[in-house]
């Protein structure tokens, strides 16, 4: 069996940000890796630290943020030892990122072609002619018709869907080893969302690129993920393959997220209620003890409220959950929740 190449490997990543009230622990010791040709989906509600994680990998954190990690490597290169100039050669070349809003990611005063070709030329991949041909090739790949004419247009002359397709093409200009997509369909309507995700997923498989997809949409995760990391309050609370997480959600937060998905035939037609998770994400400022999900959990116990943070229980390679309950207790609680919603 061929061993897949590990493209990015991150161990114990932390991001702390100084705020007037103290220190905001935006990301608190997460670890993951992504192999070539595979997709890791990081899922969770707004404010849990997903986007900060992406910005940390790209070295685009605000100046007040402090990043620490035991290990952060891209194809064996130590990212922790790199200075800003070295990161500039890395970004756009070996790793690329798609941001949430393509309108703010594209420069409004430059033509689309100039922006795409600049990436290729800046990283020494070839001259203007090669860059122009590469841009047309990739625009065609992402499903844009009349690609050559699109290169002379400005971003404001294009729809949101076209702008996001152009961002995907621009990201692929230098054939990166890693793609980071931070909720790339947030600003688009539902029909265009599906088209963009299908395009992104098919191109990722075609170019055999590793991808980190950040989203709060579990429907997206089910379609494209190889590995899933459920994030809450700056920590991973459950990890595993997409099949494991969707068929056997273990952490109460993951179970709550699954209950929020409308499923045809499973909700009562008359007076039925969609599942929900009560409360809000806790403050991440200052010292934190115990389980951070305890105030929203139906299975809270006294030991959840005090002491050090809850450790990750390992169930196998890449499979784990952060809870004091056993797997059997978690499964029983999930069944109780299902019966409660059904009634």
C-alpha atoms as a PDB file:
ATOM      1  CA  UNK A   1       0.000   0.000   0.000  1.00  0.00           C
ATOM      2  CA  UNK A   2       1.393   3.402  -0.986  1.00  0.00           C
ATOM      3  CA  UNK A   3       1.884   5.836   1.890  1.00  0.00           C
ATOM      4  CA  UNK A   4       0.374   9.219   1.138  1.00  0.00           C
ATOM      5  CA  UNK A   5       2.617  12.252   1.444  1.00  0.00           C
ATOM      6  CA  UNK A   6       1.871  14.473   4.424  1.00  0.00           C
ATOM      7  CA  UNK A   7       1.541  18.000   3.020  1.00  0.00           C
ATOM      8  CA  UNK A   8       0.972  19.975   6.226  1.00  0.00           C
ATOM      9  CA  UNK A   9       1.593  18.850   9.790  1.00  0.00           C
ATOM     10  CA  UNK A  10       0.565  21.019  12.750  1.00  0.00           C
ATOM     11  CA  UNK A  11       1.013  20.098  16.405  1.00  0.00           C
ATOM     12  CA  UNK A  12      -0.293  22.028  19.422  1.00  0.00           C
ATOM     13  CA  UNK A  13      -1.079  25.262  17.580  1.00  0.00           C
ATOM     14  CA  UNK A  14      -2.062  28.155  19.847  1.00  0.00           C
ATOM     15  CA  UNK A  15      -3.058  31.723  18.988  1.00  0.00           C
ATOM     16  CA  UNK A  16      -3.418  34.277  21.801  1.00  0.00           C
ATOM     17  CA  UNK A  17      -4.532  37.872  21.249  1.00  0.00           C
ATOM     18  CA  UNK A  18      -4.100  40.665  23.763  1.00  0.00           C
ATOM     19  CA  UNK A  19      -7.348  42.548  24.466  1.00  0.00           C
ATOM     20  CA  UNK A  20      -8.226  45.177  27.104  1.00  0.00           C
ATOM     21  CA  UNK A  21      -9.822  42.532  29.347  1.00  0.00           C
ATOM     22  CA  UNK A  22      -6.806  40.202  29.203  1.00  0.00           C
ATOM     23  CA  UNK A  23      -5.691  37.487  26.793  1.00  0.00           C
ATOM     24  CA  UNK A  24      -8.074  36.032  24.243  1.00  0.00           C
ATOM     25  CA  UNK A  25      -7.257  32.358  23.630  1.00  0.00           C
ATOM     26  CA  UNK A  26      -8.521  32.204  20.040  1.00  0.00           C
ATOM     27  CA  UNK A  27      -6.939  28.813  19.270  1.00  0.00           C
ATOM     28  CA  UNK A  28      -5.950  26.507  22.115  1.00  0.00           C
ATOM     29  CA  UNK A  29      -3.638  23.663  21.205  1.00  0.00           C
ATOM     30  CA  UNK A  30      -5.046  22.039  18.067  1.00  0.00           C
ATOM     31  CA  UNK A  31      -3.186  19.361  16.093  1.00  0.00           C
ATOM     32  CA  UNK A  32      -3.849  17.982  12.616  1.00  0.00           C
ATOM     33  CA  UNK A  33      -2.262  16.951   9.342  1.00  0.00           C
ATOM     34  CA  UNK A  34      -3.505  16.742   5.753  1.00  0.00           C
ATOM     35  CA  UNK A  35      -2.215  14.284   3.168  1.00  0.00           C
ATOM     36  CA  UNK A  36      -1.791  14.911  -0.533  1.00  0.00           C
ATOM     37  CA  UNK A  37      -5.099  14.721  -2.391  1.00  0.00           C
ATOM     38  CA  UNK A  38      -7.182  14.729   0.810  1.00  0.00           C
ATOM     39  CA  UNK A  39      -9.573  17.261   2.330  1.00  0.00           C
ATOM     40  CA  UNK A  40      -9.785  18.221   5.991  1.00  0.00           C
ATOM     41  CA  UNK A  41     -12.976  20.061   6.902  1.00  0.00           C
ATOM     42  CA  UNK A  42     -12.892  22.209  10.034  1.00  0.00           C
ATOM     43  CA  UNK A  43     -16.474  22.777  11.129  1.00  0.00           C
ATOM     44  CA  UNK A  44     -18.061  24.790  13.916  1.00  0.00           C
ATOM     45  CA  UNK A  45     -20.228  27.814  14.627  1.00  0.00           C
ATOM     46  CA  UNK A  46     -19.067  31.409  14.241  1.00  0.00           C
ATOM     47  CA  UNK A  47     -16.498  32.518  16.799  1.00  0.00           C
ATOM     48  CA  UNK A  48     -14.953  29.113  17.456  1.00  0.00           C
ATOM     49  CA  UNK A  49     -11.549  29.911  15.896  1.00  0.00           C
ATOM     50  CA  UNK A  50     -11.802  28.444  12.391  1.00  0.00           C
ATOM     51  CA  UNK A  51     -10.759  31.531  10.434  1.00  0.00           C
ATOM     52  CA  UNK A  52      -8.002  32.419  12.918  1.00  0.00           C
ATOM     53  CA  UNK A  53      -6.576  28.945  12.328  1.00  0.00           C
ATOM     54  CA  UNK A  54      -6.482  29.605   8.577  1.00  0.00           C
ATOM     55  CA  UNK A  55      -4.855  32.998   9.037  1.00  0.00           C
ATOM     56  CA  UNK A  56      -2.279  31.450  11.379  1.00  0.00           C
ATOM     57  CA  UNK A  57      -1.252  28.938   8.708  1.00  0.00           C
ATOM     58  CA  UNK A  58      -0.847  31.757   6.177  1.00  0.00           C
ATOM     59  CA  UNK A  59       0.999  33.995   8.671  1.00  0.00           C
ATOM     60  CA  UNK A  60      -1.643  36.691   8.219  1.00  0.00           C
ATOM     61  CA  UNK A  61      -2.580  37.164  11.874  1.00  0.00           C
ATOM     62  CA  UNK A  62      -3.062  40.666  13.327  1.00  0.00           C
ATOM     63  CA  UNK A  63       0.008  42.214  14.949  1.00  0.00           C
ATOM     64  CA  UNK A  64      -1.352  41.733  18.466  1.00  0.00           C
ATOM     65  CA  UNK A  65      -1.711  37.983  17.955  1.00  0.00           C
ATOM     66  CA  UNK A  66       0.915  35.594  19.297  1.00  0.00           C
ATOM     67  CA  UNK A  67       1.348  32.233  17.574  1.00  0.00           C
ATOM     68  CA  UNK A  68       3.055  29.248  19.188  1.00  0.00           C
ATOM     69  CA  UNK A  69       3.208  25.595  18.135  1.00  0.00           C
ATOM     70  CA  UNK A  70       5.308  22.503  18.763  1.00  0.00           C
ATOM     71  CA  UNK A  71       5.397  21.863  15.027  1.00  0.00           C
ATOM     72  CA  UNK A  72       4.149  23.548  11.865  1.00  0.00           C
ATOM     73  CA  UNK A  73       5.551  22.109   8.659  1.00  0.00           C
ATOM     74  CA  UNK A  74       4.588  22.377   5.001  1.00  0.00           C
ATOM     75  CA  UNK A  75       6.089  19.521   2.961  1.00  0.00           C
ATOM     76  CA  UNK A  76       8.803  19.177   5.573  1.00  0.00           C
ATOM     77  CA  UNK A  77       9.687  22.900   5.662  1.00  0.00           C
ATOM     78  CA  UNK A  78       9.643  24.424   9.163  1.00  0.00           C
ATOM     79  CA  UNK A  79       7.149  27.306   8.960  1.00  0.00           C
ATOM     80  CA  UNK A  80       7.912  28.394  12.527  1.00  0.00           C
ATOM     81  CA  UNK A  81      11.463  29.314  11.522  1.00  0.00           C
ATOM     82  CA  UNK A  82      10.432  31.414   8.504  1.00  0.00           C
ATOM     83  CA  UNK A  83      10.604  35.205   8.400  1.00  0.00           C
ATOM     84  CA  UNK A  84       8.160  37.438   6.515  1.00  0.00           C
ATOM     85  CA  UNK A  85      10.190  37.373   3.291  1.00  0.00           C
ATOM     86  CA  UNK A  86      10.248  33.576   3.302  1.00  0.00           C
ATOM     87  CA  UNK A  87       6.492  33.466   3.921  1.00  0.00           C
ATOM     88  CA  UNK A  88       5.975  35.815   0.982  1.00  0.00           C
ATOM     89  CA  UNK A  89       7.614  33.257  -1.293  1.00  0.00           C
ATOM     90  CA  UNK A  90       5.458  30.523   0.235  1.00  0.00           C
ATOM     91  CA  UNK A  91       2.051  32.223   0.010  1.00  0.00           C
ATOM     92  CA  UNK A  92       0.510  31.975  -3.429  1.00  0.00           C
ATOM     93  CA  UNK A  93       3.112  29.438  -4.520  1.00  0.00           C
ATOM     94  CA  UNK A  94       3.134  26.329  -2.312  1.00  0.00           C
ATOM     95  CA  UNK A  95       0.047  27.305  -0.329  1.00  0.00           C
ATOM     96  CA  UNK A  96      -2.924  29.436  -1.383  1.00  0.00           C
ATOM     97  CA  UNK A  97      -6.070  30.686   0.307  1.00  0.00           C
ATOM     98  CA  UNK A  98      -9.592  31.497  -0.847  1.00  0.00           C
ATOM     99  CA  UNK A  99     -11.270  34.077   1.378  1.00  0.00           C
ATOM    100  CA  UNK A 100     -14.961  34.431   2.188  1.00  0.00           C
ATOM    101  CA  UNK A 101     -15.735  37.477   0.047  1.00  0.00           C
ATOM    102  CA  UNK A 102     -14.134  37.591  -3.428  1.00  0.00           C
ATOM    103  CA  UNK A 103     -15.058  41.260  -3.870  1.00  0.00           C
ATOM    104  CA  UNK A 104     -12.721  42.301  -1.050  1.00  0.00           C
ATOM    105  CA  UNK A 105     -10.027  39.819  -2.118  1.00  0.00           C
ATOM    106  CA  UNK A 106      -9.655  41.122  -5.667  1.00  0.00           C
ATOM    107  CA  UNK A 107      -8.126  44.567  -6.241  1.00  0.00           C
ATOM    108  CA  UNK A 108     -10.888  46.747  -7.751  1.00  0.00           C
ATOM    109  CA  UNK A 109      -8.492  48.970  -9.762  1.00  0.00           C
ATOM    110  CA  UNK A 110      -6.685  46.176 -11.645  1.00  0.00           C
ATOM    111  CA  UNK A 111      -8.005  43.976 -14.404  1.00  0.00           C
ATOM    112  CA  UNK A 112      -8.589  40.307 -13.615  1.00  0.00           C
ATOM    113  CA  UNK A 113      -5.843  39.173 -15.988  1.00  0.00           C
ATOM    114  CA  UNK A 114      -3.224  41.466 -14.452  1.00  0.00           C
ATOM    115  CA  UNK A 115      -3.954  40.115 -10.974  1.00  0.00           C
ATOM    116  CA  UNK A 116      -3.830  36.483 -12.045  1.00  0.00           C
ATOM    117  CA  UNK A 117      -0.678  36.869 -14.125  1.00  0.00           C
ATOM    118  CA  UNK A 118       1.114  38.803 -11.376  1.00  0.00           C
ATOM    119  CA  UNK A 119       0.982  35.761  -9.078  1.00  0.00           C
ATOM    120  CA  UNK A 120       2.600  33.539 -11.703  1.00  0.00           C
ATOM    121  CA  UNK A 121       5.325  36.034 -12.616  1.00  0.00           C
ATOM    122  CA  UNK A 122       6.047  37.096  -9.022  1.00  0.00           C
ATOM    123  CA  UNK A 123       6.870  33.526  -8.031  1.00  0.00           C
ATOM    124  CA  UNK A 124       9.165  33.006 -11.024  1.00  0.00           C
ATOM    125  CA  UNK A 125       7.035  30.438 -12.834  1.00  0.00           C
ATOM    126  CA  UNK A 126       7.461  32.084 -16.223  1.00  0.00           C
ATOM    127  CA  UNK A 127       7.043  35.252 -18.262  1.00  0.00           C
ATOM    128  CA  UNK A 128       3.995  37.295 -19.234  1.00  0.00           C
ATOM    129  CA  UNK A 129       3.073  35.066 -22.179  1.00  0.00           C
ATOM    130  CA  UNK A 130       3.172  31.854 -20.117  1.00  0.00           C
ATOM    131  CA  UNK A 131       1.209  33.566 -17.320  1.00  0.00           C
ATOM    132  CA  UNK A 132      -1.457  34.719 -19.800  1.00  0.00           C
ATOM    133  CA  UNK A 133      -1.842  31.205 -21.239  1.00  0.00           C
ATOM    134  CA  UNK A 134      -1.983  29.691 -17.763  1.00  0.00           C
ATOM    135  CA  UNK A 135      -4.711  32.156 -16.714  1.00  0.00           C
ATOM    136  CA  UNK A 136      -6.867  31.318 -19.753  1.00  0.00           C
ATOM    137  CA  UNK A 137      -6.361  27.587 -19.155  1.00  0.00           C
ATOM    138  CA  UNK A 138      -7.457  27.838 -15.512  1.00  0.00           C
ATOM    139  CA  UNK A 139     -10.429  30.094 -16.170  1.00  0.00           C
ATOM    140  CA  UNK A 140     -11.630  27.485 -18.620  1.00  0.00           C
ATOM    141  CA  UNK A 141     -11.027  24.785 -15.981  1.00  0.00           C
ATOM    142  CA  UNK A 142     -13.230  26.544 -13.435  1.00  0.00           C
ATOM    143  CA  UNK A 143     -16.061  26.779 -15.943  1.00  0.00           C
ATOM    144  CA  UNK A 144     -15.794  30.386 -17.119  1.00  0.00           C
ATOM    145  CA  UNK A 145     -16.782  30.825 -20.759  1.00  0.00           C
ATOM    146  CA  UNK A 146     -15.020  33.355 -23.021  1.00  0.00           C
ATOM    147  CA  UNK A 147     -12.056  33.195 -20.652  1.00  0.00           C
ATOM    148  CA  UNK A 148      -9.837  35.453 -22.751  1.00  0.00           C
ATOM    149  CA  UNK A 149     -12.328  38.313 -22.658  1.00  0.00           C
ATOM    150  CA  UNK A 150     -12.788  37.958 -18.890  1.00  0.00           C
ATOM    151  CA  UNK A 151      -9.114  38.751 -18.337  1.00  0.00           C
ATOM    152  CA  UNK A 152      -9.580  42.347 -19.461  1.00  0.00           C
ATOM    153  CA  UNK A 153     -12.538  42.979 -17.144  1.00  0.00           C
ATOM    154  CA  UNK A 154     -12.480  44.565 -13.689  1.00  0.00           C
ATOM    155  CA  UNK A 155     -13.856  42.714 -10.634  1.00  0.00           C
ATOM    156  CA  UNK A 156     -16.908  45.004 -10.346  1.00  0.00           C
ATOM    157  CA  UNK A 157     -18.005  43.942 -13.832  1.00  0.00           C
ATOM    158  CA  UNK A 158     -18.426  40.326 -12.711  1.00  0.00           C
ATOM    159  CA  UNK A 159     -21.031  38.526 -10.606  1.00  0.00           C
ATOM    160  CA  UNK A 160     -20.196  37.071  -7.197  1.00  0.00           C
ATOM    161  CA  UNK A 161     -20.053  33.555  -8.604  1.00  0.00           C
ATOM    162  CA  UNK A 162     -17.663  34.565 -11.380  1.00  0.00           C
ATOM    163  CA  UNK A 163     -15.431  36.430  -8.939  1.00  0.00           C
ATOM    164  CA  UNK A 164     -15.181  33.367  -6.717  1.00  0.00           C
ATOM    165  CA  UNK A 165     -14.359  31.150  -9.702  1.00  0.00           C
ATOM    166  CA  UNK A 166     -11.623  33.614 -10.631  1.00  0.00           C
ATOM    167  CA  UNK A 167     -10.275  33.415  -7.066  1.00  0.00           C
ATOM    168  CA  UNK A 168     -10.132  29.621  -7.390  1.00  0.00           C
ATOM    169  CA  UNK A 169      -8.295  29.925 -10.706  1.00  0.00           C
ATOM    170  CA  UNK A 170      -5.893  32.497  -9.254  1.00  0.00           C
ATOM    171  CA  UNK A 171      -5.204  30.204  -6.315  1.00  0.00           C
ATOM    172  CA  UNK A 172      -4.183  27.426  -8.736  1.00  0.00           C
ATOM    173  CA  UNK A 173      -1.879  29.584 -10.890  1.00  0.00           C
ATOM    174  CA  UNK A 174       1.298  28.240  -9.255  1.00  0.00           C
ATOM    175  CA  UNK A 175      -0.007  24.692  -8.677  1.00  0.00           C
ATOM    176  CA  UNK A 176       0.086  24.872  -4.821  1.00  0.00           C
ATOM    177  CA  UNK A 177       0.528  21.849  -2.578  1.00  0.00           C
ATOM    178  CA  UNK A 178      -2.072  23.147  -0.104  1.00  0.00           C
ATOM    179  CA  UNK A 179      -5.363  24.974  -0.608  1.00  0.00           C
ATOM    180  CA  UNK A 180      -7.047  26.734   2.319  1.00  0.00           C
ATOM    181  CA  UNK A 181     -10.671  27.652   1.626  1.00  0.00           C
ATOM    182  CA  UNK A 182     -12.252  29.789   4.340  1.00  0.00           C
ATOM    183  CA  UNK A 183     -16.020  29.511   3.850  1.00  0.00           C
ATOM    184  CA  UNK A 184     -15.639  30.220   0.114  1.00  0.00           C
ATOM    185  CA  UNK A 185     -19.385  30.244  -0.601  1.00  0.00           C
ATOM    186  CA  UNK A 186     -20.637  32.479   2.227  1.00  0.00           C
ATOM    187  CA  UNK A 187     -21.580  35.468   0.045  1.00  0.00           C
ATOM    188  CA  UNK A 188     -23.193  33.405  -2.742  1.00  0.00           C
ATOM    189  CA  UNK A 189     -26.715  32.141  -3.311  1.00  0.00           C
ATOM    190  CA  UNK A 190     -27.503  28.462  -2.789  1.00  0.00           C
ATOM    191  CA  UNK A 191     -27.404  27.416  -6.455  1.00  0.00           C
ATOM    192  CA  UNK A 192     -24.041  29.071  -7.071  1.00  0.00           C
ATOM    193  CA  UNK A 193     -22.695  27.641  -3.781  1.00  0.00           C
ATOM    194  CA  UNK A 194     -23.187  24.097  -5.045  1.00  0.00           C
ATOM    195  CA  UNK A 195     -21.507  24.885  -8.372  1.00  0.00           C
ATOM    196  CA  UNK A 196     -18.499  26.522  -6.703  1.00  0.00           C
ATOM    197  CA  UNK A 197     -18.034  23.650  -4.254  1.00  0.00           C
ATOM    198  CA  UNK A 198     -18.277  21.048  -7.015  1.00  0.00           C
ATOM    199  CA  UNK A 199     -15.733  22.979  -9.075  1.00  0.00           C
ATOM    200  CA  UNK A 200     -13.356  23.355  -6.138  1.00  0.00           C
ATOM    201  CA  UNK A 201     -13.646  19.701  -5.145  1.00  0.00           C
ATOM    202  CA  UNK A 202     -13.142  18.346  -8.671  1.00  0.00           C
ATOM    203  CA  UNK A 203     -10.113  20.577  -9.299  1.00  0.00           C
ATOM    204  CA  UNK A 204      -8.588  19.602  -5.972  1.00  0.00           C
ATOM    205  CA  UNK A 205      -8.851  15.935  -6.924  1.00  0.00           C
ATOM    206  CA  UNK A 206      -7.604  16.573 -10.469  1.00  0.00           C
ATOM    207  CA  UNK A 207      -4.504  18.441  -9.293  1.00  0.00           C
ATOM    208  CA  UNK A 208      -4.052  16.025  -6.325  1.00  0.00           C
ATOM    209  CA  UNK A 209      -3.811  18.945  -3.894  1.00  0.00           C
ATOM    210  CA  UNK A 210      -4.309  18.873  -0.131  1.00  0.00           C
ATOM    211  CA  UNK A 211      -7.180  21.089   1.027  1.00  0.00           C
ATOM    212  CA  UNK A 212      -8.368  22.562   4.314  1.00  0.00           C
ATOM    213  CA  UNK A 213     -12.000  23.621   3.975  1.00  0.00           C
ATOM    214  CA  UNK A 214     -13.424  25.798   6.730  1.00  0.00           C
ATOM    215  CA  UNK A 215     -17.194  25.879   6.999  1.00  0.00           C
ATOM    216  CA  UNK A 216     -20.194  25.785   9.321  1.00  0.00           C
ATOM    217  CA  UNK A 217     -22.289  23.914   6.750  1.00  0.00           C
ATOM    218  CA  UNK A 218     -22.408  20.196   7.551  1.00  0.00           C
ATOM    219  CA  UNK A 219     -23.991  19.499   4.175  1.00  0.00           C
ATOM    220  CA  UNK A 220     -20.800  20.749   2.540  1.00  0.00           C
ATOM    221  CA  UNK A 221     -18.701  18.589   4.857  1.00  0.00           C
ATOM    222  CA  UNK A 222     -20.640  15.454   3.961  1.00  0.00           C
ATOM    223  CA  UNK A 223     -19.983  15.976   0.244  1.00  0.00           C
ATOM    224  CA  UNK A 224     -16.261  16.746   0.186  1.00  0.00           C
ATOM    225  CA  UNK A 225     -14.483  15.787   3.429  1.00  0.00           C
ATOM    226  CA  UNK A 226     -12.044  12.943   3.959  1.00  0.00           C
ATOM    227  CA  UNK A 227     -11.273  14.007   7.538  1.00  0.00           C
ATOM    228  CA  UNK A 228     -13.399  16.188   9.827  1.00  0.00           C
ATOM    229  CA  UNK A 229     -12.400  18.283  12.838  1.00  0.00           C
ATOM    230  CA  UNK A 230     -15.265  19.735  14.887  1.00  0.00           C
ATOM    231  CA  UNK A 231     -14.085  22.948  16.564  1.00  0.00           C
ATOM    232  CA  UNK A 232     -15.534  24.630  19.617  1.00  0.00           C
ATOM    233  CA  UNK A 233     -14.145  27.528  21.674  1.00  0.00           C
ATOM    234  CA  UNK A 234     -10.705  27.310  20.084  1.00  0.00           C
ATOM    235  CA  UNK A 235     -10.306  23.539  20.482  1.00  0.00           C
ATOM    236  CA  UNK A 236     -11.019  20.428  18.450  1.00  0.00           C
ATOM    237  CA  UNK A 237     -13.719  18.535  20.346  1.00  0.00           C
ATOM    238  CA  UNK A 238     -14.090  15.669  17.864  1.00  0.00           C
ATOM    239  CA  UNK A 239     -12.049  14.343  14.960  1.00  0.00           C
ATOM    240  CA  UNK A 240     -12.371  11.455  12.549  1.00  0.00           C
ATOM    241  CA  UNK A 241     -13.231  10.504   9.018  1.00  0.00           C
ATOM    242  CA  UNK A 242     -16.388  11.995   7.537  1.00  0.00           C
ATOM    243  CA  UNK A 243     -18.065   8.595   7.766  1.00  0.00           C
ATOM    244  CA  UNK A 244     -17.158   8.178  11.463  1.00  0.00           C
ATOM    245  CA  UNK A 245     -18.256  11.653  12.514  1.00  0.00           C
ATOM    246  CA  UNK A 246     -21.531  11.575  10.589  1.00  0.00           C
ATOM    247  CA  UNK A 247     -22.590   8.034  11.482  1.00  0.00           C
ATOM    248  CA  UNK A 248     -21.301   7.984  15.073  1.00  0.00           C
ATOM    249  CA  UNK A 249     -21.091  11.552  16.427  1.00  0.00           C
ATOM    250  CA  UNK A 250     -19.679  11.222  19.930  1.00  0.00           C
ATOM    251  CA  UNK A 251     -19.147  14.636  21.498  1.00  0.00           C
ATOM    252  CA  UNK A 252     -22.386  16.328  22.709  1.00  0.00           C
ATOM    253  CA  UNK A 253     -21.564  19.401  20.603  1.00  0.00           C
ATOM    254  CA  UNK A 254     -21.227  17.313  17.440  1.00  0.00           C
ATOM    255  CA  UNK A 255     -24.496  15.589  18.273  1.00  0.00           C
ATOM    256  CA  UNK A 256     -26.119  18.989  18.692  1.00  0.00           C
ATOM    257  CA  UNK A 257     -24.847  20.154  15.309  1.00  0.00           C
ATOM    258  CA  UNK A 258     -26.197  17.016  13.669  1.00  0.00           C
ATOM    259  CA  UNK A 259     -29.586  17.581  15.303  1.00  0.00           C
ATOM    260  CA  UNK A 260     -29.738  21.029  13.690  1.00  0.00           C
ATOM    261  CA  UNK A 261     -29.715  19.548  10.184  1.00  0.00           C
ATOM    262  CA  UNK A 262     -33.231  19.332   8.711  1.00  0.00           C
ATOM    263  CA  UNK A 263     -33.728  15.755   7.509  1.00  0.00           C
ATOM    264  CA  UNK A 264     -36.735  14.909   5.301  1.00  0.00           C
ATOM    265  CA  UNK A 265     -39.022  12.368   6.926  1.00  0.00           C
ATOM    266  CA  UNK A 266     -37.491  12.653  10.399  1.00  0.00           C
ATOM    267  CA  UNK A 267     -39.090  15.855  11.693  1.00  0.00           C
ATOM    268  CA  UNK A 268     -42.677  15.981  12.830  1.00  0.00           C
ATOM    269  CA  UNK A 269     -44.847  17.683  10.245  1.00  0.00           C
ATOM    270  CA  UNK A 270     -47.277  19.285  12.689  1.00  0.00           C
ATOM    271  CA  UNK A 271     -45.649  21.429  15.333  1.00  0.00           C
ATOM    272  CA  UNK A 272     -42.252  19.770  14.953  1.00  0.00           C
ATOM    273  CA  UNK A 273     -39.169  21.716  15.975  1.00  0.00           C
ATOM    274  CA  UNK A 274     -35.728  21.714  14.407  1.00  0.00           C
ATOM    275  CA  UNK A 275     -32.942  20.780  16.809  1.00  0.00           C
ATOM    276  CA  UNK A 276     -30.906  23.568  18.384  1.00  0.00           C
ATOM    277  CA  UNK A 277     -28.019  24.119  20.792  1.00  0.00           C
ATOM    278  CA  UNK A 278     -28.985  26.464  23.641  1.00  0.00           C
ATOM    279  CA  UNK A 279     -26.732  29.288  24.781  1.00  0.00           C
ATOM    280  CA  UNK A 280     -23.723  30.886  23.114  1.00  0.00           C
ATOM    281  CA  UNK A 281     -19.994  30.249  22.756  1.00  0.00           C
ATOM    282  CA  UNK A 282     -18.295  31.188  26.077  1.00  0.00           C
ATOM    283  CA  UNK A 283     -15.803  34.014  26.443  1.00  0.00           C
ATOM    284  CA  UNK A 284     -12.282  32.908  25.547  1.00  0.00           C
ATOM    285  CA  UNK A 285     -10.638  35.686  27.570  1.00  0.00           C
ATOM    286  CA  UNK A 286      -8.619  34.778  30.656  1.00  0.00           C
ATOM    287  CA  UNK A 287      -8.047  31.433  32.351  1.00  0.00           C
ATOM    288  CA  UNK A 288     -10.365  28.609  31.357  1.00  0.00           C
ATOM    289  CA  UNK A 289     -11.140  25.499  33.388  1.00  0.00           C
ATOM    290  CA  UNK A 290     -13.068  22.329  32.803  1.00  0.00           C
ATOM    291  CA  UNK A 291     -15.270  21.704  29.773  1.00  0.00           C
ATOM    292  CA  UNK A 292     -16.074  24.858  27.829  1.00  0.00           C
ATOM    293  CA  UNK A 293     -19.254  23.292  26.478  1.00  0.00           C
ATOM    294  CA  UNK A 294     -20.671  22.519  29.935  1.00  0.00           C
ATOM    295  CA  UNK A 295     -23.157  25.417  30.087  1.00  0.00           C
ATOM    296  CA  UNK A 296     -24.794  24.225  26.862  1.00  0.00           C
ATOM    297  CA  UNK A 297     -24.638  20.479  27.496  1.00  0.00           C
ATOM    298  CA  UNK A 298     -27.577  18.357  28.657  1.00  0.00           C
ATOM    299  CA  UNK A 299     -25.187  15.839  30.263  1.00  0.00           C
ATOM    300  CA  UNK A 300     -23.281  18.230  32.549  1.00  0.00           C
ATOM    301  CA  UNK A 301     -21.687  16.724  35.661  1.00  0.00           C
ATOM    302  CA  UNK A 302     -19.859  18.311  38.615  1.00  0.00           C
ATOM    303  CA  UNK A 303     -16.483  17.181  37.290  1.00  0.00           C
ATOM    304  CA  UNK A 304     -17.114  19.092  34.048  1.00  0.00           C
ATOM    305  CA  UNK A 305     -16.892  22.437  35.851  1.00  0.00           C
ATOM    306  CA  UNK A 306     -13.505  22.365  37.579  1.00  0.00           C
ATOM    307  CA  UNK A 307      -9.907  21.348  37.029  1.00  0.00           C
ATOM    308  CA  UNK A 308      -7.760  21.307  33.941  1.00  0.00           C
ATOM    309  CA  UNK A 309      -9.129  21.186  30.400  1.00  0.00           C
ATOM    310  CA  UNK A 310     -10.791  17.964  29.292  1.00  0.00           C
ATOM    311  CA  UNK A 311      -8.325  15.694  27.505  1.00  0.00           C
ATOM    312  CA  UNK A 312      -8.883  14.221  24.053  1.00  0.00           C
ATOM    313  CA  UNK A 313      -9.949  10.564  24.177  1.00  0.00           C
ATOM    314  CA  UNK A 314      -8.277   8.636  21.369  1.00  0.00           C
ATOM    315  CA  UNK A 315     -10.386   5.965  19.678  1.00  0.00           C
ATOM    316  CA  UNK A 316      -8.012   5.198  16.799  1.00  0.00           C
ATOM    317  CA  UNK A 317      -5.763   6.914  14.292  1.00  0.00           C
ATOM    318  CA  UNK A 318      -7.239  10.366  13.712  1.00  0.00           C
ATOM    319  CA  UNK A 319     -10.381   9.504  15.704  1.00  0.00           C
ATOM    320  CA  UNK A 320     -11.038  11.158  19.065  1.00  0.00           C
ATOM    321  CA  UNK A 321     -13.394  13.250  21.179  1.00  0.00           C
ATOM    322  CA  UNK A 322     -12.990  15.644  24.132  1.00  0.00           C
ATOM    323  CA  UNK A 323     -15.448  14.591  26.855  1.00  0.00           C
ATOM    324  CA  UNK A 324     -15.387  12.868  30.256  1.00  0.00           C
ATOM    325  CA  UNK A 325     -18.187  10.496  29.217  1.00  0.00           C
ATOM    326  CA  UNK A 326     -17.387   7.115  27.722  1.00  0.00           C
ATOM    327  CA  UNK A 327     -18.310   6.295  24.129  1.00  0.00           C
ATOM    328  CA  UNK A 328     -21.232   4.217  25.390  1.00  0.00           C
ATOM    329  CA  UNK A 329     -22.525   7.056  27.584  1.00  0.00           C
ATOM    330  CA  UNK A 330     -22.249   9.505  24.697  1.00  0.00           C
ATOM    331  CA  UNK A 331     -24.159   7.153  22.407  1.00  0.00           C
ATOM    332  CA  UNK A 332     -26.881   6.713  25.034  1.00  0.00           C
ATOM    333  CA  UNK A 333     -27.192  10.490  25.443  1.00  0.00           C
ATOM    334  CA  UNK A 334     -27.489  10.885  21.674  1.00  0.00           C
ATOM    335  CA  UNK A 335     -30.357   8.377  21.632  1.00  0.00           C
ATOM    336  CA  UNK A 336     -32.108  10.229  24.458  1.00  0.00           C
ATOM    337  CA  UNK A 337     -31.788  13.474  22.480  1.00  0.00           C
ATOM    338  CA  UNK A 338     -33.274  11.862  19.363  1.00  0.00           C
ATOM    339  CA  UNK A 339     -36.249  10.498  21.317  1.00  0.00           C
ATOM    340  CA  UNK A 340     -36.775  13.867  22.998  1.00  0.00           C
ATOM    341  CA  UNK A 341     -36.870  15.709  19.681  1.00  0.00           C
ATOM    342  CA  UNK A 342     -39.193  13.120  18.160  1.00  0.00           C
ATOM    343  CA  UNK A 343     -41.709  13.672  20.958  1.00  0.00           C
END
